Amino acid sequence: MKLALVQTQGINVLNLAISGLMLLTFMTIHLFQFRFGDTDQFGPYYIRPPPYLINFWGISSLNLFWTSDASVEKVGVRDIYALEFQIFKNPLWSLFYIFSVFIFMYHACIGWKKVTPVLGIPRGHIWRVELIGYGIMIVMGLVYISFPLYVMATKPFAGYETTIQIPGREE
């Protein structure tokens, strides 16, 4: 059935399936690199957690997840930032990640184009909704691409909590 569809309409009918398989491969690699990545090699990064999980007094300075209150005991957390720098300093991994994000944007835009007609949107407004969806997908993709680009363009930042870190800790 599918083979006959491909023969009559071309390979374009499989765009979502092919890009979906590519994304599945990317997400598997991404999961192994970041969720199961070895952050023990860097040692824990210490923070002072706020008493209510969010530091309401730090909202104006965007210090939502730690407090500078010295009476709060420091807690070690996984250093994903150092892991991100280690992975994205390799240009091949950065290129793979950027390529995969472009595949994600393509997949999302093609899927959005296919789903908007069945959302119950009046016909005269479908093109507007499609444009809004494309804009959202592109902005989201550019945000994801900014991570490897930032790593390739800068040096690691030691953080604001340098006084509570283990002496000699390197990023």
C-alpha atoms as a PDB file:
ATOM      1  CA  MET A   1       0.000   0.000   0.000  1.00  0.00           C
ATOM      2  CA  LYS A   2       2.672   2.528   1.028  1.00  0.00           C
ATOM      3  CA  LEU A   3       4.965   1.428  -1.804  1.00  0.00           C
ATOM      4  CA  ALA A   4       2.180   2.065  -4.321  1.00  0.00           C
ATOM      5  CA  LEU A   5       1.650   5.502  -2.766  1.00  0.00           C
ATOM      6  CA  VAL A   6       5.354   6.297  -3.156  1.00  0.00           C
ATOM      7  CA  GLN A   7       5.309   5.104  -6.764  1.00  0.00           C
ATOM      8  CA  THR A   8       2.322   7.285  -7.659  1.00  0.00           C
ATOM      9  CA  GLN A   9       3.073  10.432  -5.621  1.00  0.00           C
ATOM     10  CA  GLY A  10       6.844  10.309  -5.186  1.00  0.00           C
ATOM     11  CA  ILE A  11       9.104  10.184  -2.159  1.00  0.00           C
ATOM     12  CA  ASN A  12       7.622  13.440  -0.761  1.00  0.00           C
ATOM     13  CA  VAL A  13       4.870  11.486   0.993  1.00  0.00           C
ATOM     14  CA  LEU A  14       7.560  10.006   3.254  1.00  0.00           C
ATOM     15  CA  ASN A  15       9.087  13.355   4.308  1.00  0.00           C
ATOM     16  CA  LEU A  16       7.609  13.205   7.811  1.00  0.00           C
ATOM     17  CA  ALA A  17       8.574   9.551   8.255  1.00  0.00           C
ATOM     18  CA  ILE A  18      12.175  10.064   7.120  1.00  0.00           C
ATOM     19  CA  SER A  19      12.679  13.242   9.147  1.00  0.00           C
ATOM     20  CA  GLY A  20      10.977  11.538  12.111  1.00  0.00           C
ATOM     21  CA  LEU A  21      13.456   8.655  11.989  1.00  0.00           C
ATOM     22  CA  MET A  22      16.319  11.145  11.801  1.00  0.00           C
ATOM     23  CA  LEU A  23      14.911  12.942  14.845  1.00  0.00           C
ATOM     24  CA  LEU A  24      14.525   9.668  16.726  1.00  0.00           C
ATOM     25  CA  THR A  25      18.206   8.959  16.094  1.00  0.00           C
ATOM     26  CA  PHE A  26      19.151  12.462  17.236  1.00  0.00           C
ATOM     27  CA  MET A  27      17.023  12.285  20.386  1.00  0.00           C
ATOM     28  CA  THR A  28      18.536   8.930  21.333  1.00  0.00           C
ATOM     29  CA  ILE A  29      22.070  10.303  20.978  1.00  0.00           C
ATOM     30  CA  HIS A  30      21.088  13.518  22.773  1.00  0.00           C
ATOM     31  CA  LEU A  31      19.570  11.544  25.655  1.00  0.00           C
ATOM     32  CA  PHE A  32      22.696   9.435  26.066  1.00  0.00           C
ATOM     33  CA  GLN A  33      24.977  12.475  25.897  1.00  0.00           C
ATOM     34  CA  PHE A  34      23.144  14.760  28.293  1.00  0.00           C
ATOM     35  CA  ARG A  35      20.850  12.695  30.520  1.00  0.00           C
ATOM     36  CA  PHE A  36      23.252   9.814  30.985  1.00  0.00           C
ATOM     37  CA  GLY A  37      26.416  11.833  30.306  1.00  0.00           C
ATOM     38  CA  ASP A  38      29.316  11.513  32.727  1.00  0.00           C
ATOM     39  CA  THR A  39      29.205  14.662  34.831  1.00  0.00           C
ATOM     40  CA  ASP A  40      31.142  12.985  37.650  1.00  0.00           C
ATOM     41  CA  GLN A  41      34.354  13.833  35.800  1.00  0.00           C
ATOM     42  CA  PHE A  42      33.783  17.516  36.622  1.00  0.00           C
ATOM     43  CA  GLY A  43      32.707  16.976  40.201  1.00  0.00           C
ATOM     44  CA  PRO A  44      29.544  18.536  41.591  1.00  0.00           C
ATOM     45  CA  TYR A  45      28.705  22.174  41.057  1.00  0.00           C
ATOM     46  CA  TYR A  46      27.607  23.634  44.366  1.00  0.00           C
ATOM     47  CA  ILE A  47      24.636  25.932  44.863  1.00  0.00           C
ATOM     48  CA  ARG A  48      22.656  27.112  47.857  1.00  0.00           C
ATOM     49  CA  PRO A  49      19.054  26.074  47.090  1.00  0.00           C
ATOM     50  CA  PRO A  50      16.267  28.464  48.076  1.00  0.00           C
ATOM     51  CA  PRO A  51      13.928  27.298  50.850  1.00  0.00           C
ATOM     52  CA  TYR A  52      10.797  27.243  48.637  1.00  0.00           C
ATOM     53  CA  LEU A  53      12.369  25.732  45.469  1.00  0.00           C
ATOM     54  CA  ILE A  54      12.186  29.171  43.836  1.00  0.00           C
ATOM     55  CA  ASN A  55      14.001  32.201  45.188  1.00  0.00           C
ATOM     56  CA  PHE A  56      11.189  34.755  45.094  1.00  0.00           C
ATOM     57  CA  TRP A  57      13.555  37.481  46.363  1.00  0.00           C
ATOM     58  CA  GLY A  58      15.871  36.840  43.412  1.00  0.00           C
ATOM     59  CA  ILE A  59      13.288  37.323  40.664  1.00  0.00           C
ATOM     60  CA  SER A  60      14.466  40.844  39.815  1.00  0.00           C
ATOM     61  CA  SER A  61      18.045  39.594  39.298  1.00  0.00           C
ATOM     62  CA  LEU A  62      16.976  36.253  37.712  1.00  0.00           C
ATOM     63  CA  ASN A  63      18.506  34.223  40.566  1.00  0.00           C
ATOM     64  CA  LEU A  64      15.536  31.878  40.748  1.00  0.00           C
ATOM     65  CA  PHE A  65      17.186  28.601  41.699  1.00  0.00           C
ATOM     66  CA  TRP A  66      19.828  29.581  44.241  1.00  0.00           C
ATOM     67  CA  THR A  67      20.230  32.001  47.091  1.00  0.00           C
ATOM     68  CA  SER A  68      23.239  33.916  48.353  1.00  0.00           C
ATOM     69  CA  ASP A  69      22.157  33.364  51.973  1.00  0.00           C
ATOM     70  CA  ALA A  70      25.257  31.877  53.659  1.00  0.00           C
ATOM     71  CA  SER A  71      23.113  30.152  56.306  1.00  0.00           C
ATOM     72  CA  VAL A  72      21.763  27.767  53.643  1.00  0.00           C
ATOM     73  CA  GLU A  73      23.919  24.657  53.285  1.00  0.00           C
ATOM     74  CA  LYS A  74      25.462  24.175  49.854  1.00  0.00           C
ATOM     75  CA  VAL A  75      24.270  21.238  47.733  1.00  0.00           C
ATOM     76  CA  GLY A  76      26.102  19.579  44.842  1.00  0.00           C
ATOM     77  CA  VAL A  77      24.277  19.271  41.508  1.00  0.00           C
ATOM     78  CA  ARG A  78      25.208  17.750  38.138  1.00  0.00           C
ATOM     79  CA  ASP A  79      27.295  20.172  36.084  1.00  0.00           C
ATOM     80  CA  ILE A  80      25.422  20.047  32.780  1.00  0.00           C
ATOM     81  CA  TYR A  81      27.015  23.357  31.760  1.00  0.00           C
ATOM     82  CA  ALA A  82      30.514  21.830  31.820  1.00  0.00           C
ATOM     83  CA  LEU A  83      29.228  18.764  29.951  1.00  0.00           C
ATOM     84  CA  GLU A  84      27.653  21.008  27.325  1.00  0.00           C
ATOM     85  CA  PHE A  85      30.970  22.800  26.815  1.00  0.00           C
ATOM     86  CA  GLN A  86      32.840  19.511  26.589  1.00  0.00           C
ATOM     87  CA  ILE A  87      30.486  18.121  23.921  1.00  0.00           C
ATOM     88  CA  PHE A  88      29.965  21.276  21.862  1.00  0.00           C
ATOM     89  CA  LYS A  89      33.664  22.210  21.758  1.00  0.00           C
ATOM     90  CA  ASN A  90      33.934  19.325  19.285  1.00  0.00           C
ATOM     91  CA  PRO A  91      32.902  20.880  15.933  1.00  0.00           C
ATOM     92  CA  LEU A  92      31.502  17.572  14.654  1.00  0.00           C
ATOM     93  CA  TRP A  93      29.054  17.267  17.555  1.00  0.00           C
ATOM     94  CA  SER A  94      28.079  20.915  17.167  1.00  0.00           C
ATOM     95  CA  LEU A  95      27.497  20.456  13.442  1.00  0.00           C
ATOM     96  CA  PHE A  96      25.461  17.289  14.079  1.00  0.00           C
ATOM     97  CA  TYR A  97      23.358  19.101  16.684  1.00  0.00           C
ATOM     98  CA  ILE A  98      22.759  22.139  14.426  1.00  0.00           C
ATOM     99  CA  PHE A  99      21.881  19.878  11.470  1.00  0.00           C
ATOM    100  CA  SER A 100      19.464  17.931  13.668  1.00  0.00           C
ATOM    101  CA  VAL A 101      17.760  21.133  14.802  1.00  0.00           C
ATOM    102  CA  PHE A 102      17.252  22.114  11.156  1.00  0.00           C
ATOM    103  CA  ILE A 103      15.703  18.685  10.584  1.00  0.00           C
ATOM    104  CA  PHE A 104      13.466  19.333  13.609  1.00  0.00           C
ATOM    105  CA  MET A 105      12.351  22.708  12.204  1.00  0.00           C
ATOM    106  CA  TYR A 106      11.651  21.110   8.810  1.00  0.00           C
ATOM    107  CA  HIS A 107       9.723  18.238  10.420  1.00  0.00           C
ATOM    108  CA  ALA A 108       7.711  20.614  12.621  1.00  0.00           C
ATOM    109  CA  CYS A 109       6.832  22.931   9.722  1.00  0.00           C
ATOM    110  CA  ILE A 110       5.754  20.058   7.454  1.00  0.00           C
ATOM    111  CA  GLY A 111       3.689  18.548  10.282  1.00  0.00           C
ATOM    112  CA  TRP A 112       2.139  21.929  11.112  1.00  0.00           C
ATOM    113  CA  LYS A 113       1.169  22.422   7.455  1.00  0.00           C
ATOM    114  CA  LYS A 114      -0.572  19.035   7.475  1.00  0.00           C
ATOM    115  CA  VAL A 115      -2.383  19.486  10.798  1.00  0.00           C
ATOM    116  CA  THR A 116      -3.711  23.063  10.514  1.00  0.00           C
ATOM    117  CA  PRO A 117      -6.576  22.260   8.090  1.00  0.00           C
ATOM    118  CA  VAL A 118      -8.069  19.743  10.560  1.00  0.00           C
ATOM    119  CA  LEU A 119      -7.922  22.023  13.625  1.00  0.00           C
ATOM    120  CA  GLY A 120     -11.299  23.594  12.866  1.00  0.00           C
ATOM    121  CA  ILE A 121      -9.834  26.948  11.861  1.00  0.00           C
ATOM    122  CA  PRO A 122     -11.903  28.910   9.306  1.00  0.00           C
ATOM    123  CA  ARG A 123     -10.444  28.549   5.807  1.00  0.00           C
ATOM    124  CA  GLY A 124      -9.684  32.237   5.446  1.00  0.00           C
ATOM    125  CA  HIS A 125      -7.412  32.149   8.494  1.00  0.00           C
ATOM    126  CA  ILE A 126      -5.496  28.910   7.899  1.00  0.00           C
ATOM    127  CA  TRP A 127      -2.625  30.676   6.144  1.00  0.00           C
ATOM    128  CA  ARG A 128      -2.234  33.071   9.100  1.00  0.00           C
ATOM    129  CA  VAL A 129      -2.176  30.206  11.584  1.00  0.00           C
ATOM    130  CA  GLU A 130       0.376  28.403   9.416  1.00  0.00           C
ATOM    131  CA  LEU A 131       2.611  31.499   9.385  1.00  0.00           C
ATOM    132  CA  ILE A 132       2.353  31.837  13.168  1.00  0.00           C
ATOM    133  CA  GLY A 133       3.264  28.156  13.547  1.00  0.00           C
ATOM    134  CA  TYR A 134       6.230  28.513  11.191  1.00  0.00           C
ATOM    135  CA  GLY A 135       7.405  31.528  13.175  1.00  0.00           C
ATOM    136  CA  ILE A 136       7.195  29.599  16.441  1.00  0.00           C
ATOM    137  CA  MET A 137       9.098  26.617  14.987  1.00  0.00           C
ATOM    138  CA  ILE A 138      11.836  28.820  13.532  1.00  0.00           C
ATOM    139  CA  VAL A 139      12.302  30.824  16.745  1.00  0.00           C
ATOM    140  CA  MET A 140      12.388  27.631  18.807  1.00  0.00           C
ATOM    141  CA  GLY A 141      14.949  26.116  16.431  1.00  0.00           C
ATOM    142  CA  LEU A 142      17.127  29.225  16.568  1.00  0.00           C
ATOM    143  CA  VAL A 143      17.094  29.085  20.370  1.00  0.00           C
ATOM    144  CA  TYR A 144      18.333  25.473  20.251  1.00  0.00           C
ATOM    145  CA  ILE A 145      20.990  26.346  17.665  1.00  0.00           C
ATOM    146  CA  SER A 146      22.228  29.182  19.884  1.00  0.00           C
ATOM    147  CA  PHE A 147      23.603  26.704  22.458  1.00  0.00           C
ATOM    148  CA  PRO A 148      26.322  25.101  20.301  1.00  0.00           C
ATOM    149  CA  LEU A 149      27.057  28.455  18.641  1.00  0.00           C
ATOM    150  CA  TYR A 150      27.544  30.067  22.066  1.00  0.00           C
ATOM    151  CA  VAL A 151      29.882  27.281  23.168  1.00  0.00           C
ATOM    152  CA  MET A 152      31.954  27.490  19.987  1.00  0.00           C
ATOM    153  CA  ALA A 153      32.251  31.283  20.300  1.00  0.00           C
ATOM    154  CA  THR A 154      33.046  31.683  24.027  1.00  0.00           C
ATOM    155  CA  LYS A 155      34.945  30.288  26.969  1.00  0.00           C
ATOM    156  CA  PRO A 156      33.137  28.684  29.940  1.00  0.00           C
ATOM    157  CA  PHE A 157      31.849  31.017  32.649  1.00  0.00           C
ATOM    158  CA  ALA A 158      32.883  30.011  36.176  1.00  0.00           C
ATOM    159  CA  GLY A 159      29.532  31.042  37.653  1.00  0.00           C
ATOM    160  CA  TYR A 160      28.452  33.432  40.357  1.00  0.00           C
ATOM    161  CA  GLU A 161      28.943  30.929  43.188  1.00  0.00           C
ATOM    162  CA  THR A 162      32.743  30.636  42.903  1.00  0.00           C
ATOM    163  CA  THR A 163      33.243  31.100  46.651  1.00  0.00           C
ATOM    164  CA  ILE A 164      31.453  27.832  47.496  1.00  0.00           C
ATOM    165  CA  GLN A 165      33.069  25.653  44.801  1.00  0.00           C
ATOM    166  CA  ILE A 166      35.841  23.141  45.428  1.00  0.00           C
ATOM    167  CA  PRO A 167      39.213  24.936  45.124  1.00  0.00           C
ATOM    168  CA  GLY A 168      41.024  24.112  41.886  1.00  0.00           C
ATOM    169  CA  ARG A 169      37.835  23.140  40.077  1.00  0.00           C
ATOM    170  CA  GLU A 170      38.232  23.760  36.362  1.00  0.00           C
ATOM    171  CA  GLU A 171      35.530  24.313  33.780  1.00  0.00           C
END
